[in-house]
C-alpha atoms as a PDB file:
ATOM      1  CA  MET A   1      -4.718  52.447  42.333  1.00  0.00           C
ATOM      2  CA  LEU A   2      -2.632  50.267  40.062  1.00  0.00           C
ATOM      3  CA  ALA A   3      -4.846  47.556  38.688  1.00  0.00           C
ATOM      4  CA  SER A   4      -3.550  44.020  39.026  1.00  0.00           C
ATOM      5  CA  SER A   5      -4.953  43.469  35.530  1.00  0.00           C
ATOM      6  CA  LEU A   6      -2.130  45.689  34.268  1.00  0.00           C
ATOM      7  CA  THR A   7       0.738  43.769  35.857  1.00  0.00           C
ATOM      8  CA  GLY A   8      -0.797  40.697  37.439  1.00  0.00           C
ATOM      9  CA  PRO A   9      -1.451  40.168  41.149  1.00  0.00           C
ATOM     10  CA  THR A  10       2.089  39.425  42.343  1.00  0.00           C
ATOM     11  CA  PRO A  11       3.744  42.582  40.965  1.00  0.00           C
ATOM     12  CA  ALA A  12       0.720  44.632  42.052  1.00  0.00           C
ATOM     13  CA  ARG A  13       1.122  43.349  45.631  1.00  0.00           C
ATOM     14  CA  ALA A  14       4.863  44.102  45.542  1.00  0.00           C
ATOM     15  CA  LEU A  15       4.227  47.652  44.366  1.00  0.00           C
ATOM     16  CA  LEU A  16       1.492  48.164  46.940  1.00  0.00           C
ATOM     17  CA  GLY A  17       3.848  46.887  49.647  1.00  0.00           C
ATOM     18  CA  ALA A  18       6.378  49.490  48.532  1.00  0.00           C
ATOM     19  CA  GLY A  19       3.735  52.206  48.819  1.00  0.00           C
ATOM     20  CA  VAL A  20       3.194  52.555  45.073  1.00  0.00           C
ATOM     21  CA  THR A  21      -0.498  52.918  44.343  1.00  0.00           C
ATOM     22  CA  ARG A  22      -0.545  55.013  41.143  1.00  0.00           C
ATOM     23  CA  LEU A  23       1.155  54.725  37.778  1.00  0.00           C
ATOM     24  CA  ASP A  24       2.733  58.169  38.098  1.00  0.00           C
ATOM     25  CA  GLN A  25       4.575  56.916  41.194  1.00  0.00           C
ATOM     26  CA  VAL A  26       6.172  54.162  39.104  1.00  0.00           C
ATOM     27  CA  ALA A  27       7.808  56.870  36.975  1.00  0.00           C
ATOM     28  CA  ARG A  28       9.790  57.998  40.033  1.00  0.00           C
ATOM     29  CA  ILE A  29      11.303  54.545  40.602  1.00  0.00           C
ATOM     30  CA  ASP A  30      14.547  54.026  38.706  1.00  0.00           C
ATOM     31  CA  ASP A  31      15.140  51.040  36.452  1.00  0.00           C
ATOM     32  CA  ALA A  32      17.414  49.300  38.964  1.00  0.00           C
ATOM     33  CA  GLU A  33      15.069  49.689  41.934  1.00  0.00           C
ATOM     34  CA  LEU A  34      11.856  48.534  40.246  1.00  0.00           C
ATOM     35  CA  PRO A  35      12.939  44.949  39.419  1.00  0.00           C
ATOM     36  CA  ALA A  36      14.586  44.710  42.849  1.00  0.00           C
ATOM     37  CA  LEU A  37      11.097  44.597  44.375  1.00  0.00           C
ATOM     38  CA  HIS A  38      10.281  40.966  45.118  1.00  0.00           C
ATOM     39  CA  GLY A  39       7.611  39.910  42.640  1.00  0.00           C
ATOM     40  CA  VAL A  40       8.372  42.530  39.986  1.00  0.00           C
ATOM     41  CA  GLY A  41      10.090  40.811  37.088  1.00  0.00           C
ATOM     42  CA  PRO A  42      11.225  41.951  33.648  1.00  0.00           C
ATOM     43  CA  LYS A  43       7.770  41.445  32.128  1.00  0.00           C
ATOM     44  CA  ALA A  44       6.096  43.645  34.757  1.00  0.00           C
ATOM     45  CA  VAL A  45       8.765  46.321  34.247  1.00  0.00           C
ATOM     46  CA  ARG A  46       8.129  46.285  30.471  1.00  0.00           C
ATOM     47  CA  ILE A  47       4.374  46.523  31.002  1.00  0.00           C
ATOM     48  CA  LEU A  48       4.664  49.376  33.492  1.00  0.00           C
ATOM     49  CA  ARG A  49       7.153  51.352  31.396  1.00  0.00           C
ATOM     50  CA  GLY A  50       4.977  50.803  28.312  1.00  0.00           C
ATOM     51  CA  ALA A  51       1.905  52.051  30.174  1.00  0.00           C
ATOM     52  CA  LEU A  52       3.847  55.138  31.238  1.00  0.00           C
ATOM     53  CA  ARG A  53       4.966  55.832  27.651  1.00  0.00           C
ATOM     54  CA  GLU A  54       1.397  55.391  26.416  1.00  0.00           C
ATOM     55  CA  ARG A  55       0.088  57.738  29.083  1.00  0.00           C
ATOM     56  CA  GLU A  56       2.717  60.365  28.268  1.00  0.00           C
ATOM     57  CA  GLY A  57       1.759  60.123  24.586  1.00  0.00           C
ATOM     58  CA  ARG A  58      -1.879  60.843  25.412  1.00  0.00           C
ATOM     59  CA  GLU A  59      -0.956  63.830  27.608  1.00  0.00           C
ATOM     60  CA  SER A  60       1.168  65.491  24.898  1.00  0.00           C
END
């Protein structure tokens, strides 16, 4: 499950409400849809995208 320590509690609740429970699910949400979720702001988007890039770097 996405840890609220990654994004903070408000974005974590918004993602959970949208059915997103894992970081790999965030990758399937486009850049226009993600910030449209109430509670997910630009900072949370940057953090999530950065975490995805970091994860992809470790898997390569």
